[in-house]
């Protein structure tokens, strides 16, 4: 992205991607790239449209749904973002992506004051990675970032018993 901005070729690149999707509307990769570039330049509604197409044709890939969810949040559609994040989870992303998708989903619920829904998201994540202290730590950190100190405290207390490293305790 930075390269194309620096050399003034971004519009040309985007035109090429649009031409590519017109020539082959089932090119999920071109749709995905178009969505990523549109999102990066702040054209979130256009990004949602591109990610929607990418999602159709990259049926095994969780990332179009995830990025669509992020763009939907930016255009003020949190309910549709929740649906997109859930579709991303259903597509069984890689472990680091799974953790980030769950974090975003939990945050959406917390920001909407749906604490019960957020707790269900965290419980689902804990069941996927039951004895992973890093997952526990990420959940607790996200709760703190969202101002849910009472919910984070028991997780931090549990973490203190799980980890052996004094610094991490």
Protein backbone atom coordinates (compact mmCIF):
# COMPACT_ATOMS: atom_id res chain seq x y z
CA UNK A 1 0.00 0.00 0.00
CA UNK A 2 2.72 2.43 1.05
CA UNK A 3 4.69 1.72 -2.12
CA UNK A 4 1.71 2.55 -4.34
CA UNK A 5 0.88 5.69 -2.37
CA UNK A 6 4.50 6.85 -2.51
CA UNK A 7 4.80 6.30 -6.25
CA UNK A 8 1.31 7.56 -7.10
CA UNK A 9 0.17 4.24 -8.53
CA UNK A 10 -2.60 3.37 -6.08
CA UNK A 11 -5.44 4.45 -8.38
CA UNK A 12 -3.91 2.43 -11.20
CA UNK A 13 -3.61 -0.63 -8.97
CA UNK A 14 -7.22 -0.32 -7.79
CA UNK A 15 -8.42 0.08 -11.39
CA UNK A 16 -6.49 -3.06 -12.31
CA UNK A 17 -8.10 -4.99 -9.46
CA UNK A 18 -11.55 -3.75 -10.44
CA UNK A 19 -10.89 -4.72 -14.06
CA UNK A 20 -9.76 -8.13 -12.87
CA UNK A 21 -12.94 -8.67 -10.84
CA UNK A 22 -15.07 -7.57 -13.79
CA UNK A 23 -13.25 -9.96 -16.12
CA UNK A 24 -13.48 -12.80 -13.60
CA UNK A 25 -16.14 -12.09 -10.95
CA UNK A 26 -15.26 -15.34 -9.16
CA UNK A 27 -11.65 -14.29 -8.47
CA UNK A 28 -11.80 -14.30 -4.69
CA UNK A 29 -8.17 -13.26 -4.37
CA UNK A 30 -8.70 -10.10 -6.44
CA UNK A 31 -11.80 -9.27 -4.38
CA UNK A 32 -9.83 -9.82 -1.18
CA UNK A 33 -7.00 -7.54 -2.30
CA UNK A 34 -9.46 -4.90 -3.43
CA UNK A 35 -11.16 -5.05 -0.02
CA UNK A 36 -7.87 -4.76 1.84
CA UNK A 37 -6.77 -1.74 -0.18
CA UNK A 38 -10.16 -0.04 0.14
CA UNK A 39 -10.17 -0.65 3.89
CA UNK A 40 -6.65 0.69 4.23
CA UNK A 41 -7.57 3.91 2.47
CA UNK A 42 -10.69 4.35 4.63
CA UNK A 43 -13.29 3.40 2.01
CA UNK A 44 -15.01 0.99 4.38
CA UNK A 45 -18.34 0.63 2.56
CA UNK A 46 -16.48 -0.32 -0.63
CA UNK A 47 -14.30 -2.66 1.41
CA UNK A 48 -17.39 -4.41 2.80
CA UNK A 49 -18.68 -4.96 -0.74
CA UNK A 50 -15.34 -6.41 -1.86
CA UNK A 51 -15.00 -8.64 1.22
CA UNK A 52 -18.54 -9.88 0.66
CA UNK A 53 -17.51 -11.06 -2.80
CA UNK A 54 -14.24 -12.51 -1.50
CA UNK A 55 -16.18 -14.41 1.14
CA UNK A 56 -18.35 -16.03 -1.55
CA UNK A 57 -15.41 -17.36 -3.51
CA UNK A 58 -12.86 -18.04 -0.77
CA UNK A 59 -15.15 -20.41 1.09
CA UNK A 60 -12.42 -22.02 3.21
CA UNK A 61 -10.75 -18.73 4.16
CA UNK A 62 -11.82 -17.04 7.39
CA UNK A 63 -10.09 -13.76 6.67
CA UNK A 64 -12.61 -12.19 4.24
CA UNK A 65 -15.30 -12.60 6.91
CA UNK A 66 -13.00 -11.23 9.61
CA UNK A 67 -11.99 -8.16 7.60
CA UNK A 68 -15.60 -7.62 6.58
CA UNK A 69 -16.52 -7.60 10.27
CA UNK A 70 -13.89 -4.97 10.98
CA UNK A 71 -15.12 -2.78 8.13
CA UNK A 72 -18.73 -3.23 9.20
CA UNK A 73 -17.80 -1.94 12.65
CA UNK A 74 -16.27 1.15 11.07
CA UNK A 75 -19.45 1.96 9.15
CA UNK A 76 -21.60 1.51 12.26
CA UNK A 77 -23.09 -1.94 11.71
CA UNK A 78 -22.04 -3.93 14.78
CA UNK A 79 -24.79 -6.56 14.45
CA UNK A 80 -23.67 -7.45 10.94
CA UNK A 81 -20.07 -7.41 12.20
CA UNK A 82 -20.97 -10.02 14.83
CA UNK A 83 -22.43 -12.21 12.07
CA UNK A 84 -19.28 -11.79 9.97
CA UNK A 85 -17.01 -12.68 12.92
CA UNK A 86 -19.12 -15.77 13.61
CA UNK A 87 -18.77 -16.83 9.96
CA UNK A 88 -15.02 -16.34 10.25
CA UNK A 89 -14.92 -18.62 13.30
CA UNK A 90 -16.99 -21.26 11.50
CA UNK A 91 -14.34 -21.36 8.78
CA UNK A 92 -11.78 -22.58 11.31
CA UNK A 93 -8.97 -20.03 10.97
CA UNK A 94 -5.41 -20.61 12.07
CA UNK A 95 -4.81 -20.39 15.80
CA UNK A 96 -3.48 -16.80 15.96
CA UNK A 97 -6.27 -15.59 13.70
CA UNK A 98 -8.85 -17.50 15.74
CA UNK A 99 -7.71 -15.75 18.91
CA UNK A 100 -7.92 -12.31 17.27
CA UNK A 101 -11.35 -12.99 15.77
CA UNK A 102 -12.70 -14.09 19.15
CA UNK A 103 -11.16 -10.98 20.78
CA UNK A 104 -12.89 -8.71 18.27
CA UNK A 105 -16.20 -10.55 18.71
CA UNK A 106 -15.97 -10.31 22.50
CA UNK A 107 -15.17 -6.60 22.28
CA UNK A 108 -18.18 -5.90 20.10
CA UNK A 109 -20.44 -7.51 22.69
CA UNK A 110 -18.73 -5.72 25.58
CA UNK A 111 -18.95 -2.33 23.89
CA UNK A 112 -22.64 -2.92 23.27
CA UNK A 113 -23.06 -3.66 27.02
CA UNK A 114 -23.96 -7.29 26.26
CA UNK A 115 -21.84 -8.75 29.05
CA UNK A 116 -23.54 -12.15 28.96
CA UNK A 117 -22.84 -12.52 25.25
CA UNK A 118 -19.24 -11.43 25.76
CA UNK A 119 -18.80 -14.01 28.53
CA UNK A 120 -20.17 -16.71 26.22
CA UNK A 121 -17.57 -15.71 23.62
CA UNK A 122 -14.77 -15.97 26.19
CA UNK A 123 -16.10 -19.32 27.41
CA UNK A 124 -16.12 -20.66 23.84
CA UNK A 125 -12.54 -19.52 23.36
CA UNK A 126 -11.45 -21.12 26.63
CA UNK A 127 -13.02 -24.40 25.57
CA UNK A 128 -11.07 -24.35 22.31
CA UNK A 129 -7.79 -23.68 24.16
CA UNK A 130 -8.54 -25.07 27.66
CA UNK A 131 -5.10 -25.02 29.31
CA UNK A 132 -3.41 -22.26 27.37
CA UNK A 133 -2.28 -19.53 29.75
CA UNK A 134 -1.64 -17.17 26.84
CA UNK A 135 -5.29 -17.38 25.82
CA UNK A 136 -6.35 -16.70 29.41
CA UNK A 137 -4.01 -13.73 29.46
CA UNK A 138 -5.39 -12.35 26.19
CA UNK A 139 -8.95 -12.65 27.48
CA UNK A 140 -8.07 -10.90 30.74
CA UNK A 141 -6.17 -8.18 28.88
CA UNK A 142 -9.11 -7.58 26.55
CA UNK A 143 -11.44 -7.32 29.54
CA UNK A 144 -9.16 -4.75 31.16
CA UNK A 145 -8.93 -2.78 27.89
CA UNK A 146 -12.74 -2.69 27.80
CA UNK A 147 -12.98 -1.60 31.46
CA UNK A 148 -14.34 -4.92 32.75
CA UNK A 149 -12.00 -5.11 35.75
CA UNK A 150 -14.29 -7.29 37.90
CA UNK A 151 -14.43 -9.90 35.14
CA UNK A 152 -10.69 -9.75 34.47
CA UNK A 153 -9.55 -10.13 38.08
CA UNK A 154 -10.49 -13.83 38.53
CA UNK A 155 -8.70 -14.66 35.29
CA UNK A 156 -5.55 -12.86 36.43
CA UNK A 157 -5.74 -14.66 39.78
CA UNK A 158 -6.02 -17.99 37.96
CA UNK A 159 -3.10 -17.02 35.72
CA UNK A 160 -0.96 -16.30 38.76
CA UNK A 161 -1.38 -19.94 39.80
CA UNK A 162 -0.72 -21.31 36.30
CA UNK A 163 2.51 -19.60 35.32
CA UNK A 164 5.88 -20.50 36.78
CA UNK A 165 7.79 -17.37 35.77
CA UNK A 166 7.85 -14.85 38.64
CA UNK A 167 7.93 -11.91 36.21
CA UNK A 168 4.75 -13.08 34.46
CA UNK A 169 3.04 -13.76 37.80
